[in-house]
Structures are given as structure tokens and as C-alpha cells.
């Protein structure tokens, strides 16, 4: 699991079974073995961390890019 400030929030509150099942349905095509709900939770946490990082980088460097 990626340790970004916001990634743990969703993990602590939990994901619905429906959300995890939909995550499995979406990502299964990229994996040779069957995904579990724990795999889906990890995927969701990692995607949350990725988008939080992208948002942080955009805030940090996005304004500099606009000035150029």
C-alpha cells in the first residue's frame, strides 16, 4: 500500500463489497490469476495514492508551467 496522507482514509473507513467487486471486474483483465477483494482494496488504495500524488505535483509545478 502506498503511504500517502489520504490513501489510508478510505482503507480505514472501508470499501463496499460492490465497489471491490467492480474493481475486480475492471482490473481482472490485466492479471493472470483471479483477483481477491483484498487485491481490489490494494488497487483502490494505490490508485487513490497515485491521484493524490498527481494532484500534489500539479499544485506544486502546475503554476510554474503556466508561467512558461
PDB file of N, CA and C in Angstrom:
ATOM      1  N   UNK A   1       0.840  -1.184   0.000  1.00  0.00           N
ATOM      2  CA  UNK A   1       0.000   0.000   0.000  1.00  0.00           C
ATOM      3  C   UNK A   1       0.879   1.240   0.000  1.00  0.00           C
ATOM      4  N   UNK A   2       0.494   2.207  -0.779  1.00  0.00           N
ATOM      5  CA  UNK A   2       1.210   3.466  -0.849  1.00  0.00           C
ATOM      6  C   UNK A   2       0.836   4.296   0.368  1.00  0.00           C
ATOM      7  N   UNK A   3       1.818   4.917   1.000  1.00  0.00           N
ATOM      8  CA  UNK A   3       1.553   5.708   2.206  1.00  0.00           C
ATOM      9  C   UNK A   3       1.449   7.193   1.893  1.00  0.00           C
ATOM     10  N   UNK A   4       0.325   7.597   1.333  1.00  0.00           N
ATOM     11  CA  UNK A   4       0.032   8.998   1.120  1.00  0.00           C
ATOM     12  C   UNK A   4      -1.024   9.394   2.138  1.00  0.00           C
ATOM     13  N   UNK A   5      -1.072  10.649   2.521  1.00  0.00           N
ATOM     14  CA  UNK A   5      -1.964  11.070   3.606  1.00  0.00           C
ATOM     15  C   UNK A   5      -3.417  10.657   3.427  1.00  0.00           C
ATOM     16  N   UNK A   6      -3.934  10.726   2.222  1.00  0.00           N
ATOM     17  CA  UNK A   6      -5.351  10.470   2.014  1.00  0.00           C
ATOM     18  C   UNK A   6      -5.655   9.012   1.703  1.00  0.00           C
ATOM     19  N   UNK A   7      -4.648   8.242   1.301  1.00  0.00           N
ATOM     20  CA  UNK A   7      -4.886   6.852   0.904  1.00  0.00           C
ATOM     21  C   UNK A   7      -5.411   6.018   2.062  1.00  0.00           C
ATOM     22  N   UNK A   8      -4.917   6.239   3.263  1.00  0.00           N
ATOM     23  CA  UNK A   8      -5.344   5.457   4.409  1.00  0.00           C
ATOM     24  C   UNK A   8      -6.768   5.734   4.832  1.00  0.00           C
ATOM     25  N   UNK A   9      -7.287   6.911   4.525  1.00  0.00           N
ATOM     26  CA  UNK A   9      -8.637   7.269   4.959  1.00  0.00           C
ATOM     27  C   UNK A   9      -9.671   6.290   4.418  1.00  0.00           C
ATOM     28  N   UNK A  10      -9.610   6.015   3.139  1.00  0.00           N
ATOM     29  CA  UNK A  10     -10.588   5.108   2.553  1.00  0.00           C
ATOM     30  C   UNK A  10     -10.405   3.698   3.077  1.00  0.00           C
ATOM     31  N   UNK A  11      -9.158   3.315   3.317  1.00  0.00           N
ATOM     32  CA  UNK A  11      -8.912   1.981   3.856  1.00  0.00           C
ATOM     33  C   UNK A  11      -9.516   1.859   5.247  1.00  0.00           C
ATOM     34  N   UNK A  12      -9.340   2.889   6.063  1.00  0.00           N
ATOM     35  CA  UNK A  12      -9.852   2.832   7.431  1.00  0.00           C
ATOM     36  C   UNK A  12     -11.381   2.796   7.445  1.00  0.00           C
ATOM     37  N   UNK A  13     -12.015   3.518   6.545  1.00  0.00           N
ATOM     38  CA  UNK A  13     -13.472   3.535   6.525  1.00  0.00           C
ATOM     39  C   UNK A  13     -14.014   2.333   5.782  1.00  0.00           C
ATOM     40  N   UNK A  14     -13.217   1.730   4.943  1.00  0.00           N
ATOM     41  CA  UNK A  14     -13.619   0.530   4.221  1.00  0.00           C
ATOM     42  C   UNK A  14     -14.292   0.839   2.898  1.00  0.00           C
ATOM     43  N   UNK A  15     -14.219  -0.122   2.011  1.00  0.00           N
ATOM     44  CA  UNK A  15     -14.884  -0.043   0.716  1.00  0.00           C
ATOM     45  C   UNK A  15     -16.069  -0.997   0.740  1.00  0.00           C
ATOM     46  N   UNK A  16     -17.091  -0.668   0.004  1.00  0.00           N
ATOM     47  CA  UNK A  16     -18.236  -1.575  -0.066  1.00  0.00           C
ATOM     48  C   UNK A  16     -17.863  -2.814  -0.881  1.00  0.00           C
ATOM     49  N   UNK A  17     -18.555  -3.896  -0.638  1.00  0.00           N
ATOM     50  CA  UNK A  17     -18.331  -5.121  -1.413  1.00  0.00           C
ATOM     51  C   UNK A  17     -18.608  -4.863  -2.887  1.00  0.00           C
ATOM     52  N   UNK A  18     -19.620  -4.053  -3.163  1.00  0.00           N
ATOM     53  CA  UNK A  18     -19.968  -3.732  -4.548  1.00  0.00           C
ATOM     54  C   UNK A  18     -18.822  -2.994  -5.233  1.00  0.00           C
ATOM     55  N   UNK A  19     -18.215  -2.034  -4.518  1.00  0.00           N
ATOM     56  CA  UNK A  19     -17.094  -1.291  -5.084  1.00  0.00           C
ATOM     57  C   UNK A  19     -15.921  -2.223  -5.357  1.00  0.00           C
ATOM     58  N   UNK A  20     -15.614  -3.094  -4.401  1.00  0.00           N
ATOM     59  CA  UNK A  20     -14.496  -4.021  -4.576  1.00  0.00           C
ATOM     60  C   UNK A  20     -14.768  -4.996  -5.713  1.00  0.00           C
ATOM     61  N   UNK A  21     -15.994  -5.471  -5.827  1.00  0.00           N
ATOM     62  CA  UNK A  21     -16.345  -6.375  -6.925  1.00  0.00           C
ATOM     63  C   UNK A  21     -16.219  -5.672  -8.271  1.00  0.00           C
ATOM     64  N   UNK A  22     -16.620  -4.421  -8.332  1.00  0.00           N
ATOM     65  CA  UNK A  22     -16.491  -3.648  -9.581  1.00  0.00           C
ATOM     66  C   UNK A  22     -15.019  -3.406  -9.900  1.00  0.00           C
ATOM     67  N   UNK A  23     -14.211  -3.179  -8.876  1.00  0.00           N
ATOM     68  CA  UNK A  23     -12.772  -3.005  -9.072  1.00  0.00           C
ATOM     69  C   UNK A  23     -12.168  -4.283  -9.645  1.00  0.00           C
ATOM     70  N   UNK A  24     -12.561  -5.424  -9.108  1.00  0.00           N
ATOM     71  CA  UNK A  24     -12.084  -6.709  -9.636  1.00  0.00           C
ATOM     72  C   UNK A  24     -12.499  -6.860 -11.092  1.00  0.00           C
ATOM     73  N   UNK A  25     -13.755  -6.555 -11.387  1.00  0.00           N
ATOM     74  CA  UNK A  25     -14.266  -6.664 -12.753  1.00  0.00           C
ATOM     75  C   UNK A  25     -13.460  -5.786 -13.715  1.00  0.00           C
ATOM     76  N   UNK A  26     -13.111  -4.600 -13.272  1.00  0.00           N
ATOM     77  CA  UNK A  26     -12.370  -3.659 -14.113  1.00  0.00           C
ATOM     78  C   UNK A  26     -10.929  -4.100 -14.340  1.00  0.00           C
ATOM     79  N   UNK A  27     -10.268  -4.567 -13.290  1.00  0.00           N
ATOM     80  CA  UNK A  27      -8.831  -4.851 -13.351  1.00  0.00           C
ATOM     81  C   UNK A  27      -8.482  -6.296 -13.678  1.00  0.00           C
ATOM     82  N   UNK A  28      -9.425  -7.225 -13.603  1.00  0.00           N
ATOM     83  CA  UNK A  28      -9.115  -8.643 -13.783  1.00  0.00           C
ATOM     84  C   UNK A  28      -8.431  -8.925 -15.116  1.00  0.00           C
ATOM     85  N   UNK A  29      -8.800  -8.207 -16.156  1.00  0.00           N
ATOM     86  CA  UNK A  29      -8.226  -8.451 -17.481  1.00  0.00           C
ATOM     87  C   UNK A  29      -6.714  -8.240 -17.523  1.00  0.00           C
ATOM     88  N   UNK A  30      -6.155  -7.550 -16.551  1.00  0.00           N
ATOM     89  CA  UNK A  30      -4.722  -7.270 -16.522  1.00  0.00           C
ATOM     90  C   UNK A  30      -3.934  -8.253 -15.658  1.00  0.00           C
ATOM     91  N   UNK A  31      -4.591  -9.240 -15.069  1.00  0.00           N
ATOM     92  CA  UNK A  31      -3.950 -10.191 -14.156  1.00  0.00           C
ATOM     93  C   UNK A  31      -4.204 -11.620 -14.618  1.00  0.00           C
ATOM     94  N   UNK A  32      -3.187 -12.463 -14.512  1.00  0.00           N
ATOM     95  CA  UNK A  32      -3.316 -13.868 -14.899  1.00  0.00           C
ATOM     96  C   UNK A  32      -4.088 -14.672 -13.852  1.00  0.00           C
ATOM     97  N   UNK A  33      -3.938 -14.323 -12.593  1.00  0.00           N
ATOM     98  CA  UNK A  33      -4.614 -15.072 -11.525  1.00  0.00           C
ATOM     99  C   UNK A  33      -5.880 -14.332 -11.110  1.00  0.00           C
ATOM    100  N   UNK A  34      -6.830 -15.041 -10.539  1.00  0.00           N
ATOM    101  CA  UNK A  34      -8.057 -14.384 -10.065  1.00  0.00           C
ATOM    102  C   UNK A  34      -7.750 -13.387  -8.940  1.00  0.00           C
ATOM    103  N   UNK A  35      -8.320 -12.204  -9.034  1.00  0.00           N
ATOM    104  CA  UNK A  35      -8.132 -11.189  -8.002  1.00  0.00           C
ATOM    105  C   UNK A  35      -9.082 -11.436  -6.837  1.00  0.00           C
ATOM    106  N   UNK A  36      -8.619 -11.103  -5.650  1.00  0.00           N
ATOM    107  CA  UNK A  36      -9.438 -11.205  -4.444  1.00  0.00           C
ATOM    108  C   UNK A  36      -9.929  -9.813  -4.060  1.00  0.00           C
ATOM    109  N   UNK A  37     -10.820  -9.746  -3.104  1.00  0.00           N
ATOM    110  CA  UNK A  37     -11.258  -8.436  -2.614  1.00  0.00           C
ATOM    111  C   UNK A  37     -10.104  -7.698  -1.947  1.00  0.00           C
ATOM    112  N   UNK A  38      -9.191  -8.423  -1.325  1.00  0.00           N
ATOM    113  CA  UNK A  38      -8.006  -7.778  -0.738  1.00  0.00           C
ATOM    114  C   UNK A  38      -7.149  -7.162  -1.841  1.00  0.00           C
ATOM    115  N   UNK A  39      -6.998  -7.859  -2.971  1.00  0.00           N
ATOM    116  CA  UNK A  39      -6.289  -7.288  -4.118  1.00  0.00           C
ATOM    117  C   UNK A  39      -6.991  -6.015  -4.583  1.00  0.00           C
ATOM    118  N   UNK A  40      -8.318  -6.068  -4.649  1.00  0.00           N
ATOM    119  CA  UNK A  40      -9.096  -4.906  -5.092  1.00  0.00           C
ATOM    120  C   UNK A  40      -8.920  -3.739  -4.136  1.00  0.00           C
ATOM    121  N   UNK A  41      -8.888  -4.015  -2.833  1.00  0.00           N
ATOM    122  CA  UNK A  41      -8.674  -2.958  -1.849  1.00  0.00           C
ATOM    123  C   UNK A  41      -7.311  -2.322  -2.047  1.00  0.00           C
ATOM    124  N   UNK A  42      -6.302  -3.151  -2.292  1.00  0.00           N
ATOM    125  CA  UNK A  42      -4.957  -2.625  -2.511  1.00  0.00           C
ATOM    126  C   UNK A  42      -4.894  -1.796  -3.792  1.00  0.00           C
ATOM    127  N   UNK A  43      -5.544  -2.257  -4.846  1.00  0.00           N
ATOM    128  CA  UNK A  43      -5.596  -1.493  -6.096  1.00  0.00           C
ATOM    129  C   UNK A  43      -6.249  -0.133  -5.849  1.00  0.00           C
ATOM    130  N   UNK A  44      -7.364  -0.125  -5.143  1.00  0.00           N
ATOM    131  CA  UNK A  44      -8.070   1.131  -4.864  1.00  0.00           C
ATOM    132  C   UNK A  44      -7.208   2.072  -4.024  1.00  0.00           C
ATOM    133  N   UNK A  45      -6.545   1.538  -3.008  1.00  0.00           N
ATOM    134  CA  UNK A  45      -5.657   2.368  -2.185  1.00  0.00           C
ATOM    135  C   UNK A  45      -4.518   2.945  -3.021  1.00  0.00           C
ATOM    136  N   UNK A  46      -3.933   2.121  -3.875  1.00  0.00           N
ATOM    137  CA  UNK A  46      -2.820   2.591  -4.699  1.00  0.00           C
ATOM    138  C   UNK A  46      -3.266   3.627  -5.726  1.00  0.00           C
ATOM    139  N   UNK A  47      -4.446   3.440  -6.317  1.00  0.00           N
ATOM    140  CA  UNK A  47      -4.953   4.427  -7.270  1.00  0.00           C
ATOM    141  C   UNK A  47      -5.263   5.743  -6.564  1.00  0.00           C
ATOM    142  N   UNK A  48      -5.799   5.664  -5.358  1.00  0.00           N
ATOM    143  CA  UNK A  48      -6.049   6.872  -4.572  1.00  0.00           C
ATOM    144  C   UNK A  48      -4.739   7.592  -4.298  1.00  0.00           C
ATOM    145  N   UNK A  49      -3.721   6.845  -3.906  1.00  0.00           N
ATOM    146  CA  UNK A  49      -2.406   7.433  -3.658  1.00  0.00           C
ATOM    147  C   UNK A  49      -1.825   8.070  -4.908  1.00  0.00           C
ATOM    148  N   UNK A  50      -1.977   7.397  -6.051  1.00  0.00           N
ATOM    149  CA  UNK A  50      -1.465   7.938  -7.310  1.00  0.00           C
ATOM    150  C   UNK A  50      -2.128   9.271  -7.642  1.00  0.00           C
ATOM    151  N   UNK A  51      -3.444   9.324  -7.551  1.00  0.00           N
ATOM    152  CA  UNK A  51      -4.133  10.569  -7.894  1.00  0.00           C
ATOM    153  C   UNK A  51      -3.862  11.680  -6.886  1.00  0.00           C
ATOM    154  N   UNK A  52      -3.666  11.325  -5.635  1.00  0.00           N
ATOM    155  CA  UNK A  52      -3.267  12.338  -4.651  1.00  0.00           C
ATOM    156  C   UNK A  52      -1.886  12.892  -4.978  1.00  0.00           C
ATOM    157  N   UNK A  53      -0.970  12.026  -5.382  1.00  0.00           N
ATOM    158  CA  UNK A  53       0.367  12.474  -5.770  1.00  0.00           C
ATOM    159  C   UNK A  53       0.300  13.372  -7.003  1.00  0.00           C
ATOM    160  N   UNK A  54      -0.479  12.976  -8.004  1.00  0.00           N
ATOM    161  CA  UNK A  54      -0.613  13.801  -9.207  1.00  0.00           C
ATOM    162  C   UNK A  54      -1.203  15.169  -8.884  1.00  0.00           C
ATOM    163  N   UNK A  55      -2.182  15.192  -8.001  1.00  0.00           N
ATOM    164  CA  UNK A  55      -2.778  16.465  -7.583  1.00  0.00           C
ATOM    165  C   UNK A  55      -1.739  17.335  -6.873  1.00  0.00           C
ATOM    166  N   UNK A  56      -0.956  16.716  -6.002  1.00  0.00           N
ATOM    167  CA  UNK A  56       0.087  17.450  -5.280  1.00  0.00           C
ATOM    168  C   UNK A  56       1.133  18.012  -6.248  1.00  0.00           C
ATOM    169  N   UNK A  57       1.546  17.206  -7.219  1.00  0.00           N
ATOM    170  CA  UNK A  57       2.531  17.674  -8.198  1.00  0.00           C
ATOM    171  C   UNK A  57       1.961  18.784  -9.069  1.00  0.00           C
ATOM    172  N   UNK A  58       0.687  18.684  -9.409  1.00  0.00           N
ATOM    173  CA  UNK A  58       0.054  19.734 -10.199  1.00  0.00           C
ATOM    174  C   UNK A  58       0.007  21.041  -9.418  1.00  0.00           C
ATOM    175  N   UNK A  59      -0.315  20.945  -8.130  1.00  0.00           N
ATOM    176  CA  UNK A  59      -0.317  22.163  -7.302  1.00  0.00           C
ATOM    177  C   UNK A  59       1.089  22.749  -7.212  1.00  0.00           C
ATOM    178  N   UNK A  60       2.087  21.884  -7.101  1.00  0.00           N
ATOM    179  CA  UNK A  60       3.453  22.359  -6.914  1.00  0.00           C
ATOM    180  C   UNK A  60       4.059  22.896  -8.206  1.00  0.00           C
ATOM    181  N   UNK A  61       3.852  22.185  -9.304  1.00  0.00           N
ATOM    182  CA  UNK A  61       4.525  22.550 -10.547  1.00  0.00           C
ATOM    183  C   UNK A  61       3.585  23.102 -11.615  1.00  0.00           C
ATOM    184  N   UNK A  62       2.302  22.979 -11.438  1.00  0.00           N
ATOM    185  CA  UNK A  62       1.346  23.435 -12.438  1.00  0.00           C
ATOM    186  C   UNK A  62       1.409  24.929 -12.672  1.00  0.00           C
ATOM    187  N   UNK A  63       1.563  25.697 -11.613  1.00  0.00           N
ATOM    188  CA  UNK A  63       1.623  27.155 -11.744  1.00  0.00           C
ATOM    189  C   UNK A  63       2.904  27.579 -12.454  1.00  0.00           C
ATOM    190  N   UNK A  64       4.013  26.893 -12.177  1.00  0.00           N
ATOM    191  CA  UNK A  64       5.268  27.203 -12.867  1.00  0.00           C
ATOM    192  C   UNK A  64       5.125  26.924 -14.357  1.00  0.00           C
ATOM    193  N   UNK A  65       4.414  25.861 -14.693  1.00  0.00           N
ATOM    194  CA  UNK A  65       4.217  25.502 -16.087  1.00  0.00           C
ATOM    195  C   UNK A  65       3.405  26.582 -16.802  1.00  0.00           C
ATOM    196  N   UNK A  66       2.406  27.152 -16.127  1.00  0.00           N
ATOM    197  CA  UNK A  66       1.575  28.196 -16.716  1.00  0.00           C
ATOM    198  C   UNK A  66       2.376  29.463 -16.991  1.00  0.00           C
ATOM    199  N   UNK A  67       3.389  29.749 -16.158  1.00  0.00           N
ATOM    200  CA  UNK A  67       4.201  30.954 -16.326  1.00  0.00           C
ATOM    201  C   UNK A  67       5.107  30.867 -17.547  1.00  0.00           C
ATOM    202  N   UNK A  68       5.484  29.657 -17.938  1.00  0.00           N
ATOM    203  CA  UNK A  68       6.447  29.467 -19.033  1.00  0.00           C
ATOM    204  C   UNK A  68       5.875  29.834 -20.375  1.00  0.00           C
TER     205      UNK A  68
END
